[in-house]
Amino acid sequence: MARKDRTGNRKTREQKKRFKKPKLGYYLIVTNTEATERCFFTGLHQALPEDVRNKLVIKVIETKTRTMIDKCLELTAYDAQYRIPWIVFDRDQVQGFDEIIAEAESRGIQVGWSNPCFEIWLYAYFGSMPVIQNSWDCCSDFGRVYENMVGQKYFKADEQMYEKLCKHGNEEKAIQIAQQKWEQCIREGKTKPSEMCPCTTVHELVGEVRGKL
């Protein structure tokens, strides 16, 4: 017997198809930035082979820092059994950085954080993750490296950002560098994300998605 929708009407075959569970997962990524992370993860999804891309959803939602967790939980409530929730954000000038990460993890949300900013992760595509303590200097320095490597100025809202990073850099190496930096921080006894600089966990999300191949 056909199931009914919330209005009491029977669902059509087209509706059932539309809500069919993606075979490789539904990544729900909530971020507090206006463009950078959205452009990056949209590019990551588009770069996947078509047969993989059609079985995997990556949806990026932008909101305020203070509402990231609530927004993520709200959106995950729909079809929660297969939505994979993440929040992605930077230390930057965020108040309660460590507390936000701890709360998210305690509520079943995975966190892709970067210290000092998302660009420290992008830096790794070009073979390094230098010690830079603040986001302003990190973005500025990365911009110079990006222009030198790519031949174009770095633009946070560049829809082709991911494609250019992979073309002129090395994603596999970037993941290795990020993992090594993480392990180095742990060896040095740094346990709070705010103390771990330079460091990021975005590579875990990227590696997980790439693992679908």
N, C-alpha and C. Protein backbone atom coordinates (compact mmCIF):
# COMPACT_ATOMS: atom_id res chain seq x y z
N MET A 1 0.85 -1.20 0.00
CA MET A 1 0.00 0.00 0.00
C MET A 1 0.88 1.24 0.00
N ALA A 2 0.53 2.24 -0.80
CA ALA A 2 1.33 3.45 -0.88
C ALA A 2 1.25 4.24 0.41
N ARG A 3 2.37 4.80 0.85
CA ARG A 3 2.40 5.59 2.07
C ARG A 3 1.83 6.97 1.80
N LYS A 4 1.29 7.60 2.88
CA LYS A 4 0.70 8.92 2.73
C LYS A 4 1.67 10.00 3.16
N ASP A 5 1.54 11.20 2.56
CA ASP A 5 2.38 12.32 2.98
C ASP A 5 1.71 13.03 4.14
N ARG A 6 2.26 14.19 4.57
CA ARG A 6 1.73 14.86 5.74
C ARG A 6 0.33 15.44 5.53
N THR A 7 -0.12 15.58 4.30
CA THR A 7 -1.45 16.10 4.03
C THR A 7 -2.48 14.98 3.97
N GLY A 8 -2.01 13.74 4.08
CA GLY A 8 -2.92 12.62 4.03
C GLY A 8 -3.06 12.02 2.65
N ASN A 9 -2.42 12.64 1.66
CA ASN A 9 -2.49 12.14 0.30
C ASN A 9 -1.44 11.07 0.09
N ARG A 10 -1.75 10.11 -0.76
CA ARG A 10 -0.79 9.07 -1.05
C ARG A 10 0.38 9.63 -1.84
N LYS A 11 1.59 9.20 -1.49
CA LYS A 11 2.77 9.67 -2.19
C LYS A 11 2.83 9.06 -3.58
N THR A 12 3.22 9.86 -4.53
CA THR A 12 3.37 9.38 -5.89
C THR A 12 4.71 8.66 -6.01
N ARG A 13 4.87 7.93 -7.09
CA ARG A 13 6.14 7.25 -7.33
C ARG A 13 7.28 8.24 -7.46
N GLU A 14 6.99 9.44 -8.04
CA GLU A 14 8.01 10.47 -8.21
C GLU A 14 8.48 10.99 -6.86
N GLN A 15 7.52 11.16 -5.91
CA GLN A 15 7.89 11.64 -4.58
C GLN A 15 8.77 10.64 -3.84
N LYS A 16 8.43 9.37 -3.98
CA LYS A 16 9.23 8.33 -3.33
C LYS A 16 10.66 8.36 -3.86
N LYS A 17 10.78 8.53 -5.18
CA LYS A 17 12.10 8.56 -5.79
C LYS A 17 12.89 9.76 -5.30
N ARG A 18 12.21 10.90 -5.16
CA ARG A 18 12.88 12.12 -4.75
C ARG A 18 13.50 12.00 -3.37
N PHE A 19 12.85 11.27 -2.46
CA PHE A 19 13.33 11.15 -1.10
C PHE A 19 14.11 9.86 -0.85
N LYS A 20 14.50 9.21 -1.90
CA LYS A 20 15.25 7.97 -1.78
C LYS A 20 16.60 8.23 -1.12
N LYS A 21 16.98 7.39 -0.20
CA LYS A 21 18.24 7.53 0.51
C LYS A 21 19.43 7.42 -0.43
N PRO A 22 20.36 8.40 -0.39
CA PRO A 22 21.57 8.30 -1.21
C PRO A 22 22.39 7.10 -0.75
N LYS A 23 22.82 6.28 -1.66
CA LYS A 23 23.51 5.05 -1.31
C LYS A 23 24.80 5.29 -0.54
N LEU A 24 25.48 6.40 -0.83
CA LEU A 24 26.77 6.67 -0.20
C LEU A 24 26.69 7.72 0.91
N GLY A 25 25.47 8.15 1.25
CA GLY A 25 25.33 9.06 2.38
C GLY A 25 24.89 10.46 2.01
N TYR A 26 24.43 11.17 3.02
CA TYR A 26 23.95 12.54 2.88
C TYR A 26 24.73 13.39 3.89
N TYR A 27 25.73 14.12 3.42
CA TYR A 27 26.54 14.95 4.30
C TYR A 27 25.89 16.32 4.46
N LEU A 28 25.52 16.63 5.68
CA LEU A 28 24.95 17.93 5.99
C LEU A 28 26.03 18.75 6.70
N ILE A 29 26.52 19.79 6.03
CA ILE A 29 27.61 20.60 6.55
C ILE A 29 27.10 22.00 6.87
N VAL A 30 27.14 22.37 8.13
CA VAL A 30 26.71 23.69 8.56
C VAL A 30 27.95 24.51 8.89
N THR A 31 28.05 25.68 8.29
CA THR A 31 29.23 26.53 8.48
C THR A 31 28.82 27.95 8.81
N ASN A 32 29.75 28.73 9.34
CA ASN A 32 29.44 30.10 9.73
C ASN A 32 30.05 31.13 8.78
N THR A 33 30.49 30.71 7.61
CA THR A 33 31.07 31.64 6.65
C THR A 33 30.13 31.88 5.48
N GLU A 34 30.40 32.91 4.71
CA GLU A 34 29.50 33.29 3.63
C GLU A 34 29.76 32.54 2.34
N ALA A 35 31.00 32.09 2.10
CA ALA A 35 31.25 31.50 0.79
C ALA A 35 32.35 30.46 0.74
N THR A 36 33.44 30.65 1.45
CA THR A 36 34.64 29.82 1.26
C THR A 36 34.37 28.33 1.38
N GLU A 37 33.80 27.93 2.50
CA GLU A 37 33.55 26.50 2.71
C GLU A 37 32.52 25.96 1.71
N ARG A 38 31.51 26.76 1.42
CA ARG A 38 30.50 26.32 0.44
C ARG A 38 31.14 26.06 -0.91
N CYS A 39 31.98 26.98 -1.38
CA CYS A 39 32.65 26.81 -2.67
C CYS A 39 33.56 25.59 -2.65
N PHE A 40 34.26 25.40 -1.55
CA PHE A 40 35.19 24.28 -1.46
C PHE A 40 34.45 22.94 -1.52
N PHE A 41 33.44 22.76 -0.68
CA PHE A 41 32.76 21.47 -0.61
C PHE A 41 31.86 21.22 -1.82
N THR A 42 31.33 22.27 -2.40
CA THR A 42 30.58 22.10 -3.64
C THR A 42 31.52 21.63 -4.74
N GLY A 43 32.71 22.20 -4.77
CA GLY A 43 33.72 21.78 -5.75
C GLY A 43 34.16 20.35 -5.53
N LEU A 44 34.30 19.96 -4.26
CA LEU A 44 34.67 18.58 -3.94
C LEU A 44 33.63 17.61 -4.48
N HIS A 45 32.38 17.93 -4.27
CA HIS A 45 31.30 17.06 -4.74
C HIS A 45 31.28 16.98 -6.27
N GLN A 46 31.43 18.12 -6.91
CA GLN A 46 31.39 18.16 -8.37
C GLN A 46 32.56 17.42 -9.00
N ALA A 47 33.67 17.32 -8.27
CA ALA A 47 34.86 16.66 -8.80
C ALA A 47 34.78 15.14 -8.71
N LEU A 48 33.82 14.63 -7.97
CA LEU A 48 33.69 13.18 -7.86
C LEU A 48 33.19 12.58 -9.18
N PRO A 49 33.57 11.36 -9.48
CA PRO A 49 33.05 10.71 -10.69
C PRO A 49 31.53 10.70 -10.67
N GLU A 50 30.92 10.79 -11.82
CA GLU A 50 29.46 10.91 -11.89
C GLU A 50 28.72 9.80 -11.16
N ASP A 51 29.20 8.55 -11.28
CA ASP A 51 28.51 7.45 -10.64
C ASP A 51 28.55 7.56 -9.12
N VAL A 52 29.63 8.16 -8.58
CA VAL A 52 29.74 8.38 -7.13
C VAL A 52 28.92 9.61 -6.74
N ARG A 53 29.04 10.66 -7.53
CA ARG A 53 28.34 11.91 -7.25
C ARG A 53 26.82 11.72 -7.17
N ASN A 54 26.30 10.86 -8.00
CA ASN A 54 24.86 10.61 -8.02
C ASN A 54 24.37 9.82 -6.82
N LYS A 55 25.29 9.22 -6.09
CA LYS A 55 24.91 8.41 -4.92
C LYS A 55 25.26 9.10 -3.60
N LEU A 56 25.78 10.32 -3.68
CA LEU A 56 26.26 11.03 -2.50
C LEU A 56 25.76 12.47 -2.51
N VAL A 57 25.18 12.89 -1.40
CA VAL A 57 24.71 14.27 -1.28
C VAL A 57 25.63 15.04 -0.34
N ILE A 58 26.03 16.24 -0.75
CA ILE A 58 26.76 17.15 0.14
C ILE A 58 26.00 18.46 0.13
N LYS A 59 25.38 18.78 1.24
CA LYS A 59 24.59 20.01 1.34
C LYS A 59 25.24 20.93 2.35
N VAL A 60 25.56 22.15 1.92
CA VAL A 60 26.22 23.13 2.80
C VAL A 60 25.22 24.22 3.18
N ILE A 61 25.06 24.45 4.46
CA ILE A 61 24.16 25.47 4.99
C ILE A 61 24.99 26.51 5.73
N GLU A 62 24.72 27.79 5.49
CA GLU A 62 25.44 28.87 6.15
C GLU A 62 24.55 29.53 7.20
N THR A 63 25.11 29.74 8.38
CA THR A 63 24.35 30.37 9.45
C THR A 63 25.30 31.10 10.40
N LYS A 64 24.78 31.67 11.47
CA LYS A 64 25.61 32.36 12.46
C LYS A 64 26.32 31.34 13.34
N THR A 65 27.48 31.72 13.85
CA THR A 65 28.27 30.81 14.70
C THR A 65 27.45 30.28 15.86
N ARG A 66 26.71 31.13 16.54
CA ARG A 66 25.98 30.73 17.74
C ARG A 66 24.81 29.79 17.45
N THR A 67 24.42 29.69 16.17
CA THR A 67 23.28 28.82 15.84
C THR A 67 23.68 27.58 15.05
N MET A 68 24.97 27.37 14.84
CA MET A 68 25.41 26.24 14.01
C MET A 68 24.91 24.90 14.53
N ILE A 69 25.08 24.66 15.82
CA ILE A 69 24.70 23.37 16.39
C ILE A 69 23.19 23.16 16.28
N ASP A 70 22.42 24.17 16.68
CA ASP A 70 20.96 24.04 16.63
C ASP A 70 20.47 23.84 15.20
N LYS A 71 21.05 24.57 14.27
CA LYS A 71 20.66 24.43 12.86
C LYS A 71 20.99 23.03 12.35
N CYS A 72 22.15 22.54 12.73
CA CYS A 72 22.58 21.21 12.30
C CYS A 72 21.63 20.14 12.84
N LEU A 73 21.25 20.26 14.12
CA LEU A 73 20.33 19.29 14.73
C LEU A 73 18.95 19.39 14.12
N GLU A 74 18.53 20.61 13.83
CA GLU A 74 17.22 20.82 13.22
C GLU A 74 17.12 20.14 11.86
N LEU A 75 18.15 20.33 11.04
CA LEU A 75 18.13 19.77 9.70
C LEU A 75 18.41 18.27 9.69
N THR A 76 19.14 17.81 10.68
CA THR A 76 19.43 16.38 10.76
C THR A 76 18.21 15.59 11.21
N ALA A 77 17.27 16.26 11.86
CA ALA A 77 16.07 15.58 12.36
C ALA A 77 15.28 14.94 11.23
N TYR A 78 15.38 15.50 10.03
CA TYR A 78 14.70 14.91 8.88
C TYR A 78 15.55 13.74 8.35
N ASP A 79 14.98 12.57 8.31
CA ASP A 79 15.69 11.40 7.83
C ASP A 79 17.02 11.23 8.57
N ALA A 80 16.97 11.35 9.89
CA ALA A 80 18.18 11.33 10.73
C ALA A 80 18.98 10.06 10.60
N GLN A 81 18.36 8.98 10.17
CA GLN A 81 19.06 7.71 10.12
C GLN A 81 20.17 7.68 9.09
N TYR A 82 20.15 8.60 8.12
CA TYR A 82 21.24 8.57 7.15
C TYR A 82 21.88 9.92 6.88
N ARG A 83 21.45 10.97 7.53
CA ARG A 83 22.14 12.25 7.37
C ARG A 83 23.37 12.27 8.27
N ILE A 84 24.48 12.70 7.71
CA ILE A 84 25.75 12.71 8.43
C ILE A 84 26.08 14.17 8.78
N PRO A 85 25.88 14.59 10.04
CA PRO A 85 26.01 15.99 10.40
C PRO A 85 27.44 16.44 10.72
N TRP A 86 27.80 17.59 10.16
CA TRP A 86 29.09 18.22 10.44
C TRP A 86 28.87 19.72 10.63
N ILE A 87 29.68 20.33 11.49
CA ILE A 87 29.82 21.78 11.47
C ILE A 87 31.27 22.06 11.10
N VAL A 88 31.48 23.10 10.30
CA VAL A 88 32.82 23.47 9.85
C VAL A 88 33.02 24.95 10.15
N PHE A 89 34.02 25.25 10.97
CA PHE A 89 34.26 26.65 11.30
C PHE A 89 35.70 26.85 11.77
N ASP A 90 36.09 28.14 11.89
CA ASP A 90 37.46 28.51 12.24
C ASP A 90 37.55 29.05 13.66
N ARG A 91 38.75 28.99 14.20
CA ARG A 91 38.97 29.64 15.49
C ARG A 91 38.77 31.13 15.34
N ASP A 92 39.53 31.77 14.42
CA ASP A 92 39.40 33.19 14.13
C ASP A 92 39.19 33.97 15.43
N GLN A 93 38.09 34.73 15.53
CA GLN A 93 37.79 35.47 16.75
C GLN A 93 36.60 34.87 17.49
N VAL A 94 36.33 33.61 17.24
CA VAL A 94 35.16 32.95 17.84
C VAL A 94 35.31 32.81 19.35
N GLN A 95 34.32 33.27 20.06
CA GLN A 95 34.30 33.11 21.51
C GLN A 95 33.81 31.70 21.85
N GLY A 96 34.45 31.06 22.81
CA GLY A 96 34.03 29.73 23.22
C GLY A 96 34.30 28.67 22.17
N PHE A 97 35.40 28.81 21.45
CA PHE A 97 35.76 27.89 20.36
C PHE A 97 35.78 26.44 20.84
N ASP A 98 36.50 26.18 21.92
CA ASP A 98 36.62 24.82 22.45
C ASP A 98 35.26 24.29 22.92
N GLU A 99 34.49 25.16 23.55
CA GLU A 99 33.20 24.76 24.09
C GLU A 99 32.22 24.37 22.98
N ILE A 100 32.25 25.11 21.87
CA ILE A 100 31.37 24.80 20.74
C ILE A 100 31.70 23.42 20.19
N ILE A 101 32.99 23.15 20.04
CA ILE A 101 33.43 21.85 19.52
C ILE A 101 33.00 20.73 20.45
N ALA A 102 33.22 20.91 21.76
CA ALA A 102 32.87 19.88 22.73
C ALA A 102 31.36 19.63 22.75
N GLU A 103 30.57 20.68 22.70
CA GLU A 103 29.12 20.53 22.71
C GLU A 103 28.63 19.80 21.46
N ALA A 104 29.18 20.20 20.30
CA ALA A 104 28.77 19.55 19.05
C ALA A 104 29.06 18.06 19.10
N GLU A 105 30.26 17.71 19.51
CA GLU A 105 30.64 16.30 19.56
C GLU A 105 29.79 15.52 20.55
N SER A 106 29.44 16.14 21.67
CA SER A 106 28.62 15.47 22.68
C SER A 106 27.21 15.22 22.17
N ARG A 107 26.79 15.97 21.13
CA ARG A 107 25.45 15.83 20.58
C ARG A 107 25.45 15.08 19.25
N GLY A 108 26.56 14.39 18.98
CA GLY A 108 26.62 13.53 17.80
C GLY A 108 26.95 14.23 16.50
N ILE A 109 27.49 15.44 16.59
CA ILE A 109 27.86 16.20 15.40
C ILE A 109 29.37 16.17 15.25
N GLN A 110 29.85 15.84 14.08
CA GLN A 110 31.29 15.86 13.82
C GLN A 110 31.72 17.29 13.47
N VAL A 111 32.97 17.61 13.80
CA VAL A 111 33.43 18.99 13.65
C VAL A 111 34.69 19.07 12.79
N GLY A 112 34.62 19.89 11.77
CA GLY A 112 35.79 20.19 10.96
C GLY A 112 36.25 21.60 11.32
N TRP A 113 37.13 21.70 12.31
CA TRP A 113 37.59 23.02 12.74
C TRP A 113 38.98 23.31 12.19
N SER A 114 39.30 24.59 12.11
CA SER A 114 40.63 25.00 11.64
C SER A 114 41.16 26.08 12.57
N ASN A 115 42.44 26.02 12.86
CA ASN A 115 43.09 26.99 13.72
C ASN A 115 44.40 27.43 13.05
N PRO A 116 44.51 28.69 12.58
CA PRO A 116 43.60 29.79 12.92
C PRO A 116 42.40 29.97 11.98
N CYS A 117 42.47 29.47 10.74
CA CYS A 117 41.37 29.67 9.81
C CYS A 117 41.37 28.59 8.73
N PHE A 118 40.33 28.55 7.93
CA PHE A 118 40.16 27.53 6.91
C PHE A 118 41.32 27.50 5.92
N GLU A 119 41.91 28.67 5.69
CA GLU A 119 43.02 28.75 4.73
C GLU A 119 44.23 27.95 5.16
N ILE A 120 44.36 27.64 6.46
CA ILE A 120 45.50 26.82 6.89
C ILE A 120 45.35 25.42 6.31
N TRP A 121 44.12 24.96 6.12
CA TRP A 121 43.87 23.67 5.47
C TRP A 121 44.20 23.79 3.97
N LEU A 122 43.77 24.86 3.34
CA LEU A 122 44.05 25.05 1.92
C LEU A 122 45.56 25.15 1.67
N TYR A 123 46.27 25.74 2.61
CA TYR A 123 47.73 25.87 2.53
C TYR A 123 48.36 24.49 2.28
N ALA A 124 47.82 23.46 2.93
CA ALA A 124 48.41 22.12 2.86
C ALA A 124 48.40 21.56 1.44
N TYR A 125 47.50 22.02 0.60
CA TYR A 125 47.48 21.56 -0.79
C TYR A 125 48.78 21.90 -1.51
N PHE A 126 49.44 22.94 -1.04
CA PHE A 126 50.68 23.38 -1.66
C PHE A 126 51.91 22.93 -0.88
N GLY A 127 51.71 21.95 0.01
CA GLY A 127 52.85 21.28 0.62
C GLY A 127 53.31 21.73 1.98
N SER A 128 52.58 22.63 2.64
CA SER A 128 53.02 23.06 3.97
C SER A 128 51.83 23.56 4.79
N MET A 129 52.06 23.63 6.09
CA MET A 129 51.08 24.20 7.00
C MET A 129 51.87 25.03 8.01
N PRO A 130 52.24 26.25 7.63
CA PRO A 130 53.14 27.06 8.46
C PRO A 130 52.52 27.53 9.77
N VAL A 131 53.37 27.86 10.71
CA VAL A 131 52.91 28.36 12.00
C VAL A 131 52.49 29.81 11.84
N ILE A 132 51.18 30.04 11.86
CA ILE A 132 50.61 31.39 11.76
C ILE A 132 49.53 31.47 12.83
N GLN A 133 49.61 32.47 13.69
CA GLN A 133 48.74 32.51 14.86
C GLN A 133 47.40 33.20 14.65
N ASN A 134 47.28 34.04 13.64
CA ASN A 134 46.00 34.74 13.47
C ASN A 134 45.48 34.61 12.05
N SER A 135 44.18 34.70 11.90
CA SER A 135 43.53 34.45 10.63
C SER A 135 43.87 35.50 9.58
N TRP A 136 44.07 36.74 10.00
CA TRP A 136 44.38 37.81 9.03
C TRP A 136 45.68 37.51 8.30
N ASP A 137 46.72 37.20 9.08
CA ASP A 137 48.01 36.88 8.47
C ASP A 137 47.94 35.60 7.65
N CYS A 138 47.17 34.64 8.15
CA CYS A 138 47.05 33.36 7.45
C CYS A 138 46.42 33.55 6.07
N CYS A 139 45.33 34.30 6.02
CA CYS A 139 44.66 34.55 4.73
C CYS A 139 45.56 35.33 3.79
N SER A 140 46.25 36.32 4.33
CA SER A 140 47.13 37.16 3.52
C SER A 140 48.30 36.36 2.95
N ASP A 141 48.95 35.58 3.81
CA ASP A 141 50.09 34.77 3.38
C ASP A 141 49.64 33.70 2.39
N PHE A 142 48.51 33.06 2.68
CA PHE A 142 48.02 32.04 1.76
C PHE A 142 47.69 32.65 0.39
N GLY A 143 47.14 33.85 0.41
CA GLY A 143 46.81 34.52 -0.85
C GLY A 143 48.02 34.70 -1.74
N ARG A 144 49.16 35.02 -1.13
CA ARG A 144 50.38 35.19 -1.92
C ARG A 144 50.87 33.86 -2.48
N VAL A 145 50.80 32.81 -1.65
CA VAL A 145 51.21 31.47 -2.11
C VAL A 145 50.28 30.99 -3.22
N TYR A 146 48.99 31.20 -3.04
CA TYR A 146 47.98 30.77 -4.02
C TYR A 146 48.23 31.46 -5.37
N GLU A 147 48.45 32.75 -5.33
CA GLU A 147 48.68 33.49 -6.58
C GLU A 147 49.94 33.00 -7.28
N ASN A 148 50.97 32.71 -6.49
CA ASN A 148 52.22 32.21 -7.06
C ASN A 148 52.04 30.83 -7.69
N MET A 149 51.24 29.97 -7.05
CA MET A 149 51.05 28.61 -7.54
C MET A 149 50.02 28.51 -8.66
N VAL A 150 48.95 29.27 -8.54
CA VAL A 150 47.83 29.18 -9.47
C VAL A 150 47.92 30.18 -10.61
N GLY A 151 48.57 31.31 -10.33
CA GLY A 151 48.66 32.36 -11.35
C GLY A 151 47.47 33.29 -11.33
N GLN A 152 46.65 33.20 -10.29
CA GLN A 152 45.48 34.06 -10.13
C GLN A 152 45.36 34.47 -8.67
N LYS A 153 44.72 35.60 -8.42
CA LYS A 153 44.52 36.04 -7.05
C LYS A 153 43.53 35.12 -6.34
N TYR A 154 43.73 34.95 -5.05
CA TYR A 154 42.84 34.13 -4.25
C TYR A 154 41.55 34.89 -3.97
N PHE A 155 40.43 34.25 -4.25
CA PHE A 155 39.12 34.84 -4.07
C PHE A 155 38.27 33.85 -3.28
N LYS A 156 37.83 34.24 -2.09
CA LYS A 156 37.12 33.33 -1.19
C LYS A 156 35.85 32.73 -1.80
N ALA A 157 35.20 33.48 -2.69
CA ALA A 157 33.95 33.01 -3.28
C ALA A 157 34.14 32.44 -4.68
N ASP A 158 35.34 31.97 -4.96
CA ASP A 158 35.64 31.41 -6.29
C ASP A 158 35.02 30.02 -6.41
N GLU A 159 34.07 29.86 -7.33
CA GLU A 159 33.39 28.58 -7.52
C GLU A 159 34.34 27.50 -8.02
N GLN A 160 35.47 27.90 -8.62
CA GLN A 160 36.45 26.93 -9.14
C GLN A 160 37.62 26.72 -8.18
N MET A 161 37.48 27.19 -6.96
CA MET A 161 38.56 27.10 -5.98
C MET A 161 39.08 25.67 -5.82
N TYR A 162 38.18 24.74 -5.59
CA TYR A 162 38.59 23.36 -5.34
C TYR A 162 39.32 22.78 -6.54
N GLU A 163 38.80 23.02 -7.72
CA GLU A 163 39.43 22.52 -8.94
C GLU A 163 40.85 23.03 -9.09
N LYS A 164 41.06 24.31 -8.78
CA LYS A 164 42.38 24.91 -8.91
C LYS A 164 43.34 24.37 -7.85
N LEU A 165 42.84 24.16 -6.64
CA LEU A 165 43.68 23.60 -5.59
C LEU A 165 44.20 22.23 -5.97
N CYS A 166 43.32 21.40 -6.53
CA CYS A 166 43.72 20.04 -6.91
C CYS A 166 44.61 20.04 -8.14
N LYS A 167 44.38 20.96 -9.05
CA LYS A 167 45.17 21.03 -10.28
C LYS A 167 46.59 21.47 -10.00
N HIS A 168 46.74 22.45 -9.12
CA HIS A 168 48.07 23.02 -8.86
C HIS A 168 48.68 22.53 -7.54
N GLY A 169 47.91 21.79 -6.78
CA GLY A 169 48.40 21.24 -5.51
C GLY A 169 48.21 19.74 -5.45
N ASN A 170 48.23 19.19 -4.25
CA ASN A 170 48.14 17.75 -4.06
C ASN A 170 47.25 17.45 -2.86
N GLU A 171 46.05 16.94 -3.13
CA GLU A 171 45.10 16.70 -2.05
C GLU A 171 45.54 15.56 -1.13
N GLU A 172 46.05 14.51 -1.69
CA GLU A 172 46.51 13.38 -0.87
C GLU A 172 47.61 13.83 0.09
N LYS A 173 48.52 14.64 -0.41
CA LYS A 173 49.60 15.17 0.43
C LYS A 173 49.04 16.11 1.49
N ALA A 174 48.03 16.89 1.11
CA ALA A 174 47.42 17.82 2.06
C ALA A 174 46.82 17.07 3.24
N ILE A 175 46.15 15.97 2.97
CA ILE A 175 45.56 15.16 4.04
C ILE A 175 46.65 14.60 4.95
N GLN A 176 47.75 14.16 4.35
CA GLN A 176 48.88 13.64 5.14
C GLN A 176 49.47 14.72 6.03
N ILE A 177 49.66 15.90 5.48
CA ILE A 177 50.24 17.01 6.25
C ILE A 177 49.34 17.38 7.42
N ALA A 178 48.03 17.47 7.16
CA ALA A 178 47.09 17.83 8.22
C ALA A 178 47.09 16.78 9.33
N GLN A 179 47.15 15.52 8.96
CA GLN A 179 47.18 14.45 9.95
C GLN A 179 48.46 14.50 10.78
N GLN A 180 49.58 14.78 10.13
CA GLN A 180 50.86 14.89 10.82
C GLN A 180 50.86 16.06 11.81
N LYS A 181 50.26 17.18 11.43
CA LYS A 181 50.18 18.34 12.32
C LYS A 181 49.31 18.01 13.54
N TRP A 182 48.23 17.30 13.30
CA TRP A 182 47.36 16.89 14.40
C TRP A 182 48.12 16.01 15.38
N GLU A 183 48.81 15.03 14.85
CA GLU A 183 49.56 14.10 15.70
C GLU A 183 50.68 14.81 16.44
N GLN A 184 51.30 15.78 15.80
CA GLN A 184 52.36 16.56 16.45
C GLN A 184 51.81 17.32 17.66
N CYS A 185 50.64 17.94 17.49
CA CYS A 185 50.02 18.67 18.60
C CYS A 185 49.73 17.74 19.77
N ILE A 186 49.23 16.54 19.47
CA ILE A 186 48.91 15.58 20.52
C ILE A 186 50.19 15.17 21.26
N ARG A 187 51.27 14.94 20.49
CA ARG A 187 52.55 14.57 21.13
C ARG A 187 53.06 15.67 22.04
N GLU A 188 52.75 16.91 21.69
CA GLU A 188 53.22 18.05 22.48
C GLU A 188 52.31 18.33 23.66
N GLY A 189 51.30 17.48 23.85
CA GLY A 189 50.42 17.63 25.00
C GLY A 189 49.32 18.66 24.85
N LYS A 190 49.09 19.09 23.64
CA LYS A 190 48.02 20.07 23.38
C LYS A 190 46.72 19.31 23.17
N THR A 191 45.75 19.56 24.02
CA THR A 191 44.49 18.82 23.95
C THR A 191 43.30 19.68 23.55
N LYS A 192 43.42 21.00 23.73
CA LYS A 192 42.33 21.89 23.34
C LYS A 192 42.56 22.38 21.91
N PRO A 193 41.53 22.36 21.06
CA PRO A 193 41.68 22.85 19.69
C PRO A 193 42.25 24.28 19.62
N SER A 194 41.90 25.11 20.59
CA SER A 194 42.39 26.49 20.59
C SER A 194 43.90 26.56 20.81
N GLU A 195 44.48 25.50 21.39
CA GLU A 195 45.92 25.43 21.62
C GLU A 195 46.66 24.83 20.44
N MET A 196 45.94 24.14 19.59
CA MET A 196 46.54 23.38 18.49
C MET A 196 46.63 24.26 17.24
N CYS A 197 47.76 24.87 17.05
CA CYS A 197 47.93 25.80 15.94
C CYS A 197 49.35 25.70 15.38
N PRO A 198 49.49 25.50 14.06
CA PRO A 198 48.42 25.33 13.07
C PRO A 198 47.87 23.91 13.11
N CYS A 199 46.56 23.80 12.93
CA CYS A 199 45.94 22.49 12.95
C CYS A 199 44.54 22.58 12.36
N THR A 200 44.04 21.45 11.89
CA THR A 200 42.69 21.39 11.34
C THR A 200 42.20 19.96 11.40
N THR A 201 40.89 19.79 11.39
CA THR A 201 40.30 18.46 11.26
C THR A 201 39.45 18.35 10.00
N VAL A 202 39.50 19.37 9.16
CA VAL A 202 38.74 19.35 7.91
C VAL A 202 39.19 18.18 7.03
N HIS A 203 40.48 17.82 7.16
CA HIS A 203 40.99 16.72 6.34
C HIS A 203 40.26 15.40 6.62
N GLU A 204 39.71 15.26 7.81
CA GLU A 204 38.97 14.03 8.14
C GLU A 204 37.70 13.94 7.30
N LEU A 205 37.01 15.06 7.15
CA LEU A 205 35.80 15.09 6.33
C LEU A 205 36.13 14.88 4.87
N VAL A 206 37.16 15.56 4.38
CA VAL A 206 37.57 15.42 2.98
C VAL A 206 37.99 13.98 2.70
N GLY A 207 38.78 13.42 3.60
CA GLY A 207 39.24 12.04 3.42
C GLY A 207 38.09 11.06 3.44
N GLU A 208 37.10 11.31 4.27
CA GLU A 208 35.93 10.43 4.35
C GLU A 208 35.15 10.45 3.03
N VAL A 209 34.96 11.66 2.49
CA VAL A 209 34.23 11.79 1.23
C VAL A 209 35.03 11.15 0.10
N ARG A 210 36.33 11.42 0.06
CA ARG A 210 37.16 10.83 -0.99
C ARG A 210 37.20 9.30 -0.88
N GLY A 211 37.03 8.82 0.35
CA GLY A 211 37.03 7.38 0.56
C GLY A 211 35.86 6.68 -0.10
N LYS A 212 34.83 7.44 -0.47
CA LYS A 212 33.67 6.86 -1.15
C LYS A 212 34.06 6.34 -2.53
N LEU A 213 35.20 6.79 -3.05
CA LEU A 213 35.65 6.33 -4.35
C LEU A 213 36.05 4.86 -4.32
